[in-house]
Amino acid sequence: MLRWLTILLLCQWLGELAVTVSGLAVPGPVVGMLLLLIGLLMLGQEPSELGAVADGLLQHLSLLFVPAGVGVMQHLGIIRLQWAPLLGVVILGTIITMLATGWVMQWLQTDSDEPAP
């Protein structure tokens, strides 16, 4: 279990490092998750220990939002000044996400309706 937690943290660190070195405008943890995905695809399976670590993290997911909440409170002045663009981005992002999710669901259901050969 400690091994997979270490691997998760290593992937996140490598993602942060890659973003810092390359200057990409992508969060480091996203790059880290892509690295983890590539590693799991190369492995060809999801180890059960990784699932246990992920379940443990999900049980305490609310604790992971504390730093984000603190960051919002630290930048409340900026948010007050830029509330209209932020609100627009949140609404537009929500609409795009809902449309994309609906499209993917329809696509997946269409493919699963076909009988297997």
N, C-alpha and C. Protein backbone atom coordinates (compact mmCIF):
# COMPACT_ATOMS: atom_id res chain seq x y z
N MET A 1 0.83 -1.20 0.00
CA MET A 1 0.00 0.00 0.00
C MET A 1 0.87 1.27 0.00
N LEU A 2 1.91 1.26 0.83
CA LEU A 2 2.82 2.40 0.88
C LEU A 2 3.55 2.58 -0.45
N ARG A 3 3.82 1.47 -1.11
CA ARG A 3 4.49 1.52 -2.42
C ARG A 3 3.66 2.30 -3.43
N TRP A 4 2.35 2.02 -3.49
CA TRP A 4 1.50 2.67 -4.48
C TRP A 4 1.22 4.12 -4.10
N LEU A 5 1.15 4.41 -2.81
CA LEU A 5 1.00 5.81 -2.40
C LEU A 5 2.24 6.60 -2.82
N THR A 6 3.39 5.99 -2.66
CA THR A 6 4.64 6.62 -3.08
C THR A 6 4.66 6.83 -4.59
N ILE A 7 4.19 5.84 -5.34
CA ILE A 7 4.14 5.97 -6.80
C ILE A 7 3.19 7.10 -7.21
N LEU A 8 2.03 7.21 -6.54
CA LEU A 8 1.10 8.30 -6.84
C LEU A 8 1.75 9.66 -6.58
N LEU A 9 2.41 9.78 -5.43
CA LEU A 9 3.07 11.05 -5.12
C LEU A 9 4.23 11.33 -6.07
N LEU A 10 4.94 10.30 -6.47
CA LEU A 10 6.03 10.46 -7.43
C LEU A 10 5.50 10.93 -8.78
N CYS A 11 4.39 10.37 -9.21
CA CYS A 11 3.79 10.81 -10.48
C CYS A 11 3.37 12.28 -10.40
N GLN A 12 2.79 12.68 -9.26
CA GLN A 12 2.40 14.07 -9.10
C GLN A 12 3.64 14.97 -9.11
N TRP A 13 4.69 14.56 -8.41
CA TRP A 13 5.91 15.36 -8.37
C TRP A 13 6.52 15.48 -9.76
N LEU A 14 6.56 14.36 -10.50
CA LEU A 14 7.11 14.41 -11.86
C LEU A 14 6.27 15.31 -12.76
N GLY A 15 4.95 15.29 -12.56
CA GLY A 15 4.08 16.19 -13.31
C GLY A 15 4.36 17.64 -13.00
N GLU A 16 4.53 17.95 -11.71
CA GLU A 16 4.88 19.33 -11.31
C GLU A 16 6.22 19.74 -11.91
N LEU A 17 7.17 18.83 -11.87
CA LEU A 17 8.50 19.10 -12.42
C LEU A 17 8.42 19.36 -13.92
N ALA A 18 7.67 18.52 -14.62
CA ALA A 18 7.53 18.67 -16.08
C ALA A 18 6.89 20.01 -16.44
N VAL A 19 5.88 20.42 -15.66
CA VAL A 19 5.22 21.70 -15.93
C VAL A 19 6.16 22.86 -15.63
N THR A 20 6.91 22.76 -14.55
CA THR A 20 7.84 23.83 -14.18
C THR A 20 8.95 23.97 -15.23
N VAL A 21 9.49 22.85 -15.67
CA VAL A 21 10.59 22.89 -16.64
C VAL A 21 10.10 23.34 -18.01
N SER A 22 8.94 22.84 -18.44
CA SER A 22 8.46 23.14 -19.79
C SER A 22 7.66 24.42 -19.89
N GLY A 23 7.12 24.88 -18.77
CA GLY A 23 6.30 26.10 -18.80
C GLY A 23 4.90 25.86 -19.34
N LEU A 24 4.46 24.62 -19.38
CA LEU A 24 3.11 24.31 -19.85
C LEU A 24 2.07 25.00 -18.97
N ALA A 25 0.95 25.36 -19.57
CA ALA A 25 -0.14 25.98 -18.82
C ALA A 25 -1.13 24.91 -18.39
N VAL A 26 -0.63 23.83 -17.85
CA VAL A 26 -1.45 22.70 -17.39
C VAL A 26 -1.04 22.42 -15.95
N PRO A 27 -2.01 22.12 -15.08
CA PRO A 27 -1.63 21.80 -13.70
C PRO A 27 -0.72 20.57 -13.64
N GLY A 28 0.26 20.61 -12.76
CA GLY A 28 1.20 19.50 -12.59
C GLY A 28 0.52 18.19 -12.26
N PRO A 29 -0.49 18.17 -11.37
CA PRO A 29 -1.16 16.90 -11.06
C PRO A 29 -1.84 16.27 -12.28
N VAL A 30 -2.29 17.09 -13.22
CA VAL A 30 -2.91 16.53 -14.44
C VAL A 30 -1.85 15.81 -15.26
N VAL A 31 -0.69 16.42 -15.40
CA VAL A 31 0.41 15.76 -16.11
C VAL A 31 0.83 14.50 -15.37
N GLY A 32 0.85 14.58 -14.03
CA GLY A 32 1.18 13.40 -13.23
C GLY A 32 0.20 12.27 -13.43
N MET A 33 -1.09 12.59 -13.53
CA MET A 33 -2.09 11.55 -13.78
C MET A 33 -1.91 10.94 -15.16
N LEU A 34 -1.52 11.76 -16.13
CA LEU A 34 -1.24 11.21 -17.45
C LEU A 34 -0.05 10.26 -17.40
N LEU A 35 0.96 10.62 -16.62
CA LEU A 35 2.11 9.72 -16.46
C LEU A 35 1.68 8.41 -15.79
N LEU A 36 0.82 8.50 -14.78
CA LEU A 36 0.30 7.30 -14.13
C LEU A 36 -0.49 6.46 -15.12
N LEU A 37 -1.33 7.10 -15.94
CA LEU A 37 -2.10 6.38 -16.94
C LEU A 37 -1.19 5.65 -17.92
N ILE A 38 -0.17 6.32 -18.38
CA ILE A 38 0.79 5.70 -19.31
C ILE A 38 1.44 4.49 -18.64
N GLY A 39 1.84 4.66 -17.39
CA GLY A 39 2.45 3.54 -16.66
C GLY A 39 1.51 2.36 -16.50
N LEU A 40 0.24 2.64 -16.19
CA LEU A 40 -0.73 1.56 -16.04
C LEU A 40 -1.03 0.88 -17.37
N LEU A 41 -1.06 1.66 -18.45
CA LEU A 41 -1.27 1.07 -19.77
C LEU A 41 -0.10 0.16 -20.14
N MET A 42 1.10 0.57 -19.78
CA MET A 42 2.27 -0.27 -20.05
C MET A 42 2.23 -1.53 -19.18
N LEU A 43 1.73 -1.40 -17.96
CA LEU A 43 1.60 -2.54 -17.07
C LEU A 43 0.51 -3.50 -17.55
N GLY A 44 -0.53 -2.95 -18.16
CA GLY A 44 -1.60 -3.76 -18.72
C GLY A 44 -2.70 -4.14 -17.76
N GLN A 45 -2.63 -3.64 -16.53
CA GLN A 45 -3.68 -3.94 -15.56
C GLN A 45 -3.64 -2.92 -14.43
N GLU A 46 -4.72 -2.92 -13.64
CA GLU A 46 -4.75 -2.06 -12.46
C GLU A 46 -4.45 -2.93 -11.25
N PRO A 47 -3.36 -2.68 -10.58
CA PRO A 47 -3.05 -3.47 -9.39
C PRO A 47 -4.09 -3.24 -8.29
N SER A 48 -4.47 -4.30 -7.59
CA SER A 48 -5.49 -4.18 -6.54
C SER A 48 -5.02 -3.26 -5.42
N GLU A 49 -3.71 -3.24 -5.15
CA GLU A 49 -3.20 -2.36 -4.10
C GLU A 49 -3.42 -0.89 -4.46
N LEU A 50 -3.31 -0.56 -5.74
CA LEU A 50 -3.55 0.81 -6.18
C LEU A 50 -5.01 1.17 -5.96
N GLY A 51 -5.90 0.23 -6.23
CA GLY A 51 -7.33 0.47 -5.97
C GLY A 51 -7.60 0.73 -4.50
N ALA A 52 -6.92 0.01 -3.62
CA ALA A 52 -7.09 0.21 -2.18
C ALA A 52 -6.59 1.59 -1.76
N VAL A 53 -5.46 2.02 -2.32
CA VAL A 53 -4.93 3.35 -2.01
C VAL A 53 -5.89 4.42 -2.51
N ALA A 54 -6.40 4.25 -3.72
CA ALA A 54 -7.34 5.22 -4.28
C ALA A 54 -8.61 5.29 -3.45
N ASP A 55 -9.12 4.14 -3.00
CA ASP A 55 -10.31 4.14 -2.15
C ASP A 55 -10.04 4.88 -0.84
N GLY A 56 -8.87 4.67 -0.27
CA GLY A 56 -8.52 5.37 0.96
C GLY A 56 -8.46 6.88 0.77
N LEU A 57 -7.90 7.32 -0.37
CA LEU A 57 -7.85 8.75 -0.65
C LEU A 57 -9.26 9.31 -0.87
N LEU A 58 -10.10 8.56 -1.55
CA LEU A 58 -11.47 9.02 -1.81
C LEU A 58 -12.28 9.12 -0.53
N GLN A 59 -12.01 8.27 0.45
CA GLN A 59 -12.73 8.35 1.72
C GLN A 59 -12.42 9.66 2.44
N HIS A 60 -11.26 10.23 2.19
CA HIS A 60 -10.86 11.47 2.85
C HIS A 60 -10.74 12.62 1.85
N LEU A 61 -11.54 12.57 0.80
CA LEU A 61 -11.46 13.55 -0.28
C LEU A 61 -11.72 14.97 0.22
N SER A 62 -12.60 15.13 1.20
CA SER A 62 -12.92 16.48 1.69
C SER A 62 -11.68 17.18 2.24
N LEU A 63 -10.75 16.43 2.82
CA LEU A 63 -9.52 17.04 3.34
C LEU A 63 -8.66 17.62 2.22
N LEU A 64 -8.77 17.04 1.03
CA LEU A 64 -7.96 17.52 -0.08
C LEU A 64 -8.47 18.86 -0.63
N PHE A 65 -9.69 19.26 -0.25
CA PHE A 65 -10.23 20.54 -0.70
C PHE A 65 -9.84 21.69 0.22
N VAL A 66 -9.27 21.41 1.37
CA VAL A 66 -8.88 22.47 2.31
C VAL A 66 -7.87 23.42 1.67
N PRO A 67 -6.78 22.94 1.04
CA PRO A 67 -5.85 23.90 0.42
C PRO A 67 -6.50 24.76 -0.66
N ALA A 68 -7.42 24.18 -1.42
CA ALA A 68 -8.10 24.97 -2.46
C ALA A 68 -8.97 26.05 -1.82
N GLY A 69 -9.65 25.71 -0.76
CA GLY A 69 -10.47 26.70 -0.05
C GLY A 69 -9.63 27.82 0.54
N VAL A 70 -8.48 27.47 1.08
CA VAL A 70 -7.57 28.49 1.62
C VAL A 70 -7.07 29.39 0.50
N GLY A 71 -6.77 28.80 -0.65
CA GLY A 71 -6.32 29.60 -1.79
C GLY A 71 -7.39 30.57 -2.26
N VAL A 72 -8.64 30.15 -2.27
CA VAL A 72 -9.73 31.03 -2.66
C VAL A 72 -9.84 32.19 -1.67
N MET A 73 -9.74 31.88 -0.39
CA MET A 73 -9.85 32.93 0.63
C MET A 73 -8.68 33.92 0.54
N GLN A 74 -7.49 33.44 0.19
CA GLN A 74 -6.34 34.32 0.06
C GLN A 74 -6.49 35.28 -1.12
N HIS A 75 -7.19 34.86 -2.14
CA HIS A 75 -7.32 35.68 -3.35
C HIS A 75 -8.73 36.23 -3.51
N LEU A 76 -9.42 36.44 -2.41
CA LEU A 76 -10.79 36.93 -2.45
C LEU A 76 -10.86 38.32 -3.10
N GLY A 77 -9.85 39.14 -2.90
CA GLY A 77 -9.85 40.47 -3.51
C GLY A 77 -9.84 40.40 -5.03
N ILE A 78 -9.05 39.49 -5.58
CA ILE A 78 -9.00 39.31 -7.03
C ILE A 78 -10.33 38.77 -7.54
N ILE A 79 -10.90 37.85 -6.77
CA ILE A 79 -12.18 37.27 -7.17
C ILE A 79 -13.27 38.33 -7.18
N ARG A 80 -13.24 39.24 -6.20
CA ARG A 80 -14.22 40.33 -6.16
C ARG A 80 -14.11 41.21 -7.40
N LEU A 81 -12.88 41.47 -7.84
CA LEU A 81 -12.67 42.33 -9.01
C LEU A 81 -13.04 41.63 -10.32
N GLN A 82 -12.87 40.32 -10.37
CA GLN A 82 -13.05 39.57 -11.62
C GLN A 82 -14.25 38.62 -11.55
N TRP A 83 -15.28 38.95 -10.78
CA TRP A 83 -16.37 38.01 -10.57
C TRP A 83 -17.15 37.72 -11.85
N ALA A 84 -17.33 38.71 -12.71
CA ALA A 84 -18.14 38.49 -13.92
C ALA A 84 -17.45 37.51 -14.89
N PRO A 85 -16.16 37.72 -15.21
CA PRO A 85 -15.52 36.73 -16.10
C PRO A 85 -15.46 35.34 -15.47
N LEU A 86 -15.22 35.28 -14.16
CA LEU A 86 -15.18 33.98 -13.49
C LEU A 86 -16.53 33.28 -13.56
N LEU A 87 -17.60 34.03 -13.31
CA LEU A 87 -18.94 33.45 -13.38
C LEU A 87 -19.24 32.96 -14.80
N GLY A 88 -18.84 33.76 -15.80
CA GLY A 88 -19.06 33.35 -17.18
C GLY A 88 -18.31 32.07 -17.53
N VAL A 89 -17.07 31.97 -17.08
CA VAL A 89 -16.27 30.77 -17.35
C VAL A 89 -16.87 29.56 -16.66
N VAL A 90 -17.33 29.72 -15.43
CA VAL A 90 -17.93 28.60 -14.70
C VAL A 90 -19.20 28.13 -15.41
N ILE A 91 -20.05 29.06 -15.81
CA ILE A 91 -21.30 28.69 -16.50
C ILE A 91 -20.99 28.04 -17.84
N LEU A 92 -20.10 28.65 -18.62
CA LEU A 92 -19.74 28.09 -19.93
C LEU A 92 -19.09 26.73 -19.78
N GLY A 93 -18.19 26.60 -18.83
CA GLY A 93 -17.53 25.31 -18.59
C GLY A 93 -18.52 24.23 -18.18
N THR A 94 -19.51 24.60 -17.36
CA THR A 94 -20.53 23.63 -16.95
C THR A 94 -21.35 23.18 -18.14
N ILE A 95 -21.74 24.11 -18.98
CA ILE A 95 -22.54 23.76 -20.16
C ILE A 95 -21.75 22.86 -21.10
N ILE A 96 -20.50 23.21 -21.36
CA ILE A 96 -19.66 22.40 -22.25
C ILE A 96 -19.46 21.01 -21.67
N THR A 97 -19.24 20.92 -20.36
CA THR A 97 -19.05 19.62 -19.71
C THR A 97 -20.31 18.77 -19.81
N MET A 98 -21.46 19.38 -19.58
CA MET A 98 -22.72 18.62 -19.66
C MET A 98 -22.97 18.13 -21.09
N LEU A 99 -22.71 18.98 -22.08
CA LEU A 99 -22.89 18.57 -23.47
C LEU A 99 -21.93 17.45 -23.84
N ALA A 100 -20.67 17.58 -23.45
CA ALA A 100 -19.68 16.55 -23.77
C ALA A 100 -20.03 15.24 -23.08
N THR A 101 -20.46 15.31 -21.83
CA THR A 101 -20.84 14.09 -21.10
C THR A 101 -22.03 13.42 -21.76
N GLY A 102 -23.02 14.20 -22.15
CA GLY A 102 -24.19 13.64 -22.83
C GLY A 102 -23.82 12.99 -24.16
N TRP A 103 -22.93 13.65 -24.92
CA TRP A 103 -22.50 13.11 -26.20
C TRP A 103 -21.75 11.79 -26.00
N VAL A 104 -20.85 11.75 -25.03
CA VAL A 104 -20.10 10.52 -24.77
C VAL A 104 -21.03 9.41 -24.32
N MET A 105 -22.01 9.73 -23.46
CA MET A 105 -22.97 8.70 -23.01
C MET A 105 -23.76 8.14 -24.19
N GLN A 106 -24.24 9.01 -25.06
CA GLN A 106 -24.97 8.54 -26.24
C GLN A 106 -24.08 7.69 -27.12
N TRP A 107 -22.84 8.09 -27.30
CA TRP A 107 -21.90 7.35 -28.13
C TRP A 107 -21.63 5.97 -27.53
N LEU A 108 -21.43 5.91 -26.21
CA LEU A 108 -21.18 4.64 -25.55
C LEU A 108 -22.40 3.73 -25.59
N GLN A 109 -23.59 4.28 -25.42
CA GLN A 109 -24.80 3.47 -25.47
C GLN A 109 -25.07 2.96 -26.88
N THR A 110 -24.75 3.75 -27.89
CA THR A 110 -24.94 3.32 -29.26
C THR A 110 -24.01 2.14 -29.58
N ASP A 111 -22.76 2.22 -29.12
CA ASP A 111 -21.83 1.15 -29.36
C ASP A 111 -22.19 -0.12 -28.60
N SER A 112 -22.77 0.05 -27.38
CA SER A 112 -23.08 -1.14 -26.58
C SER A 112 -24.37 -1.81 -27.02
N ASP A 113 -25.21 -1.12 -27.83
CA ASP A 113 -26.46 -1.72 -28.30
C ASP A 113 -26.22 -2.76 -29.39
N GLU A 114 -25.07 -2.69 -30.04
CA GLU A 114 -24.77 -3.62 -31.12
C GLU A 114 -24.41 -4.98 -30.52
N PRO A 115 -24.91 -6.05 -31.10
CA PRO A 115 -24.59 -7.39 -30.58
C PRO A 115 -23.12 -7.73 -30.81
N ALA A 116 -22.58 -8.46 -29.86
CA ALA A 116 -21.18 -8.90 -29.98
C ALA A 116 -21.07 -9.99 -31.03
N PRO A 117 -19.97 -10.01 -31.82
CA PRO A 117 -19.82 -11.03 -32.88
C PRO A 117 -19.54 -12.40 -32.30
